Amino acid sequence: EFVEFASIVFKWWTEALISFMWGAKTVKLRFLDEQYYIHLTHEETGNGTLCKAYYGETRPSGNVLMREVEFDQFELVKSLAKAINTLLRHDEFQAQHPAEVAELQNAYSRLRQLLKK
């Protein structure tokens, strides 16, 4: 079921984003299919914080960078919080996966706290 997979990825990404927001210079956003990844990096510049995301694929010949973009770290946190909140409102998911619901409620709360900084 799709919502179970989303739940796992959302929890992984929450941990990574919390680390990122607390100062880790780089984090890896994982997917269930480990061959794909997103590395997030940030550095302080004269104009504030520059954040970049590198989307890539691991192939037998090595890593292949598929796309590089700059992003706003707070917008990324907001987007993840919104996605988690949407999943938490899914009635069937709530009924069938109470343990995951509790973990996601905690993740959602932690993301919301980051946005209040």
C-alpha atoms as a PDB file:
ATOM      1  CA  GLU A   1       0.000   0.000   0.000  1.00  0.00           C
ATOM      2  CA  PHE A   2       1.359   3.403  -1.012  1.00  0.00           C
ATOM      3  CA  VAL A   3       0.729   5.125   2.319  1.00  0.00           C
ATOM      4  CA  GLU A   4       2.966   2.660   4.151  1.00  0.00           C
ATOM      5  CA  PHE A   5       5.868   3.497   1.839  1.00  0.00           C
ATOM      6  CA  ALA A   6       5.225   7.217   2.189  1.00  0.00           C
ATOM      7  CA  SER A   7       5.224   6.865   5.965  1.00  0.00           C
ATOM      8  CA  ILE A   8       8.676   5.278   5.965  1.00  0.00           C
ATOM      9  CA  VAL A   9      10.171   7.874   3.628  1.00  0.00           C
ATOM     10  CA  PHE A  10       8.575  10.769   5.537  1.00  0.00           C
ATOM     11  CA  LYS A  11      10.163   9.549   8.780  1.00  0.00           C
ATOM     12  CA  TRP A  12      13.592   9.216   7.137  1.00  0.00           C
ATOM     13  CA  TRP A  13      13.325  12.655   5.566  1.00  0.00           C
ATOM     14  CA  THR A  14      12.158  14.258   8.818  1.00  0.00           C
ATOM     15  CA  GLU A  15      15.278  13.023  10.631  1.00  0.00           C
ATOM     16  CA  ALA A  16      17.508  14.229   7.794  1.00  0.00           C
ATOM     17  CA  LEU A  17      15.862  17.675   7.614  1.00  0.00           C
ATOM     18  CA  ILE A  18      16.056  18.168  11.366  1.00  0.00           C
ATOM     19  CA  SER A  19      19.767  17.422  11.219  1.00  0.00           C
ATOM     20  CA  PHE A  20      20.117  19.766   8.237  1.00  0.00           C
ATOM     21  CA  MET A  21      18.261  22.601   9.933  1.00  0.00           C
ATOM     22  CA  TRP A  22      20.403  22.198  13.049  1.00  0.00           C
ATOM     23  CA  GLY A  23      23.567  22.741  11.057  1.00  0.00           C
ATOM     24  CA  ALA A  24      24.640  19.549   9.295  1.00  0.00           C
ATOM     25  CA  LYS A  25      26.402  20.762   6.150  1.00  0.00           C
ATOM     26  CA  THR A  26      25.084  17.873   4.081  1.00  0.00           C
ATOM     27  CA  VAL A  27      22.394  15.196   4.470  1.00  0.00           C
ATOM     28  CA  LYS A  28      21.100  12.442   2.234  1.00  0.00           C
ATOM     29  CA  LEU A  29      17.397  12.001   1.555  1.00  0.00           C
ATOM     30  CA  ARG A  30      16.813   8.333   0.923  1.00  0.00           C
ATOM     31  CA  PHE A  31      14.211   6.605  -1.180  1.00  0.00           C
ATOM     32  CA  LEU A  32      12.907   3.066  -0.814  1.00  0.00           C
ATOM     33  CA  ASP A  33      14.766   2.310  -4.016  1.00  0.00           C
ATOM     34  CA  GLU A  34      18.271   3.002  -2.741  1.00  0.00           C
ATOM     35  CA  GLN A  35      19.608   3.657  -6.227  1.00  0.00           C
ATOM     36  CA  TYR A  36      18.130   7.180  -6.161  1.00  0.00           C
ATOM     37  CA  TYR A  37      19.140   9.864  -3.697  1.00  0.00           C
ATOM     38  CA  ILE A  38      19.015  13.574  -2.970  1.00  0.00           C
ATOM     39  CA  HIS A  39      21.959  15.212  -1.220  1.00  0.00           C
ATOM     40  CA  LEU A  40      21.166  18.500   0.471  1.00  0.00           C
ATOM     41  CA  THR A  41      23.959  20.958   1.198  1.00  0.00           C
ATOM     42  CA  HIS A  42      24.130  24.455   2.610  1.00  0.00           C
ATOM     43  CA  GLU A  43      26.760  27.075   3.153  1.00  0.00           C
ATOM     44  CA  GLU A  44      26.775  30.564   4.540  1.00  0.00           C
ATOM     45  CA  THR A  45      27.347  33.290   1.989  1.00  0.00           C
ATOM     46  CA  GLY A  46      27.472  37.067   2.247  1.00  0.00           C
ATOM     47  CA  ASN A  47      23.765  37.079   1.376  1.00  0.00           C
ATOM     48  CA  GLY A  48      22.608  34.390   3.823  1.00  0.00           C
ATOM     49  CA  THR A  49      22.391  30.622   3.458  1.00  0.00           C
ATOM     50  CA  LEU A  50      22.714  28.972   0.060  1.00  0.00           C
ATOM     51  CA  CYS A  51      21.028  25.570  -0.074  1.00  0.00           C
ATOM     52  CA  LYS A  52      21.420  23.131  -2.938  1.00  0.00           C
ATOM     53  CA  ALA A  53      19.853  19.777  -3.704  1.00  0.00           C
ATOM     54  CA  TYR A  54      21.600  17.228  -5.883  1.00  0.00           C
ATOM     55  CA  TYR A  55      19.336  14.509  -7.277  1.00  0.00           C
ATOM     56  CA  GLY A  56      21.227  11.493  -8.487  1.00  0.00           C
ATOM     57  CA  GLU A  57      21.250   7.844  -9.294  1.00  0.00           C
ATOM     58  CA  THR A  58      23.750   5.199  -8.289  1.00  0.00           C
ATOM     59  CA  ARG A  59      24.643   2.989 -11.232  1.00  0.00           C
ATOM     60  CA  PRO A  60      27.159   0.155 -11.574  1.00  0.00           C
ATOM     61  CA  SER A  61      29.465   2.649 -13.298  1.00  0.00           C
ATOM     62  CA  GLY A  62      29.162   5.118 -10.397  1.00  0.00           C
ATOM     63  CA  ASN A  63      26.965   7.981  -9.242  1.00  0.00           C
ATOM     64  CA  VAL A  64      25.240  10.060 -11.909  1.00  0.00           C
ATOM     65  CA  LEU A  65      24.073  13.573 -11.047  1.00  0.00           C
ATOM     66  CA  MET A  66      20.704  14.090 -12.730  1.00  0.00           C
ATOM     67  CA  ARG A  67      19.736  17.522 -11.447  1.00  0.00           C
ATOM     68  CA  GLU A  68      21.016  20.317  -9.215  1.00  0.00           C
ATOM     69  CA  VAL A  69      18.754  23.032  -7.789  1.00  0.00           C
ATOM     70  CA  GLU A  70      18.896  25.760  -5.174  1.00  0.00           C
ATOM     71  CA  PHE A  71      16.100  25.735  -2.612  1.00  0.00           C
ATOM     72  CA  ASP A  72      14.748  27.451   0.467  1.00  0.00           C
ATOM     73  CA  GLN A  73      15.233  25.167   3.478  1.00  0.00           C
ATOM     74  CA  PHE A  74      12.138  26.478   5.271  1.00  0.00           C
ATOM     75  CA  GLU A  75       9.973  25.869   2.198  1.00  0.00           C
ATOM     76  CA  LEU A  76      11.249  22.297   2.039  1.00  0.00           C
ATOM     77  CA  VAL A  77      10.377  21.753   5.719  1.00  0.00           C
ATOM     78  CA  LYS A  78       6.921  23.259   5.119  1.00  0.00           C
ATOM     79  CA  SER A  79       6.351  20.966   2.148  1.00  0.00           C
ATOM     80  CA  LEU A  80       7.305  17.867   4.106  1.00  0.00           C
ATOM     81  CA  ALA A  81       5.118  18.921   7.044  1.00  0.00           C
ATOM     82  CA  LYS A  82       2.199  19.445   4.659  1.00  0.00           C
ATOM     83  CA  ALA A  83       2.709  15.997   3.087  1.00  0.00           C
ATOM     84  CA  ILE A  84       2.840  14.339   6.524  1.00  0.00           C
ATOM     85  CA  ASN A  85      -0.283  16.192   7.621  1.00  0.00           C
ATOM     86  CA  THR A  86      -2.080  15.006   4.489  1.00  0.00           C
ATOM     87  CA  LEU A  87      -1.154  11.398   5.230  1.00  0.00           C
ATOM     88  CA  LEU A  88      -2.249  11.786   8.849  1.00  0.00           C
ATOM     89  CA  ARG A  89      -5.714  12.805   7.637  1.00  0.00           C
ATOM     90  CA  HIS A  90      -6.025   9.579   5.607  1.00  0.00           C
ATOM     91  CA  ASP A  91      -8.718   7.625   7.516  1.00  0.00           C
ATOM     92  CA  GLU A  92      -7.693   4.172   6.321  1.00  0.00           C
ATOM     93  CA  PHE A  93      -4.065   4.798   7.217  1.00  0.00           C
ATOM     94  CA  GLN A  94      -5.071   5.955  10.703  1.00  0.00           C
ATOM     95  CA  ALA A  95      -7.199   2.875  11.273  1.00  0.00           C
ATOM     96  CA  GLN A  96      -4.693   0.339   9.980  1.00  0.00           C
ATOM     97  CA  HIS A  97      -1.381   1.783  11.178  1.00  0.00           C
ATOM     98  CA  PRO A  98      -1.720   3.358  14.646  1.00  0.00           C
ATOM     99  CA  ALA A  99       1.991   2.991  15.474  1.00  0.00           C
ATOM    100  CA  GLU A 100       3.023   4.768  12.262  1.00  0.00           C
ATOM    101  CA  VAL A 101       0.419   7.472  12.933  1.00  0.00           C
ATOM    102  CA  ALA A 102       1.965   8.167  16.341  1.00  0.00           C
ATOM    103  CA  GLU A 103       5.460   8.361  14.833  1.00  0.00           C
ATOM    104  CA  LEU A 104       4.296  10.671  12.059  1.00  0.00           C
ATOM    105  CA  GLN A 105       2.445  12.908  14.525  1.00  0.00           C
ATOM    106  CA  ASN A 106       5.730  13.261  16.380  1.00  0.00           C
ATOM    107  CA  ALA A 107       7.593  13.983  13.127  1.00  0.00           C
ATOM    108  CA  TYR A 108       4.988  16.578  12.136  1.00  0.00           C
ATOM    109  CA  SER A 109       5.274  18.273  15.525  1.00  0.00           C
ATOM    110  CA  ARG A 110       9.075  18.365  15.276  1.00  0.00           C
ATOM    111  CA  LEU A 111       8.931  19.927  11.803  1.00  0.00           C
ATOM    112  CA  ARG A 112       6.452  22.544  12.979  1.00  0.00           C
ATOM    113  CA  GLN A 113       8.830  23.437  15.814  1.00  0.00           C
ATOM    114  CA  LEU A 114      11.623  23.994  13.295  1.00  0.00           C
ATOM    115  CA  LEU A 115       9.446  26.459  11.440  1.00  0.00           C
ATOM    116  CA  LYS A 116       8.944  28.493  14.624  1.00  0.00           C
ATOM    117  CA  LYS A 117      12.711  29.129  14.974  1.00  0.00           C
END
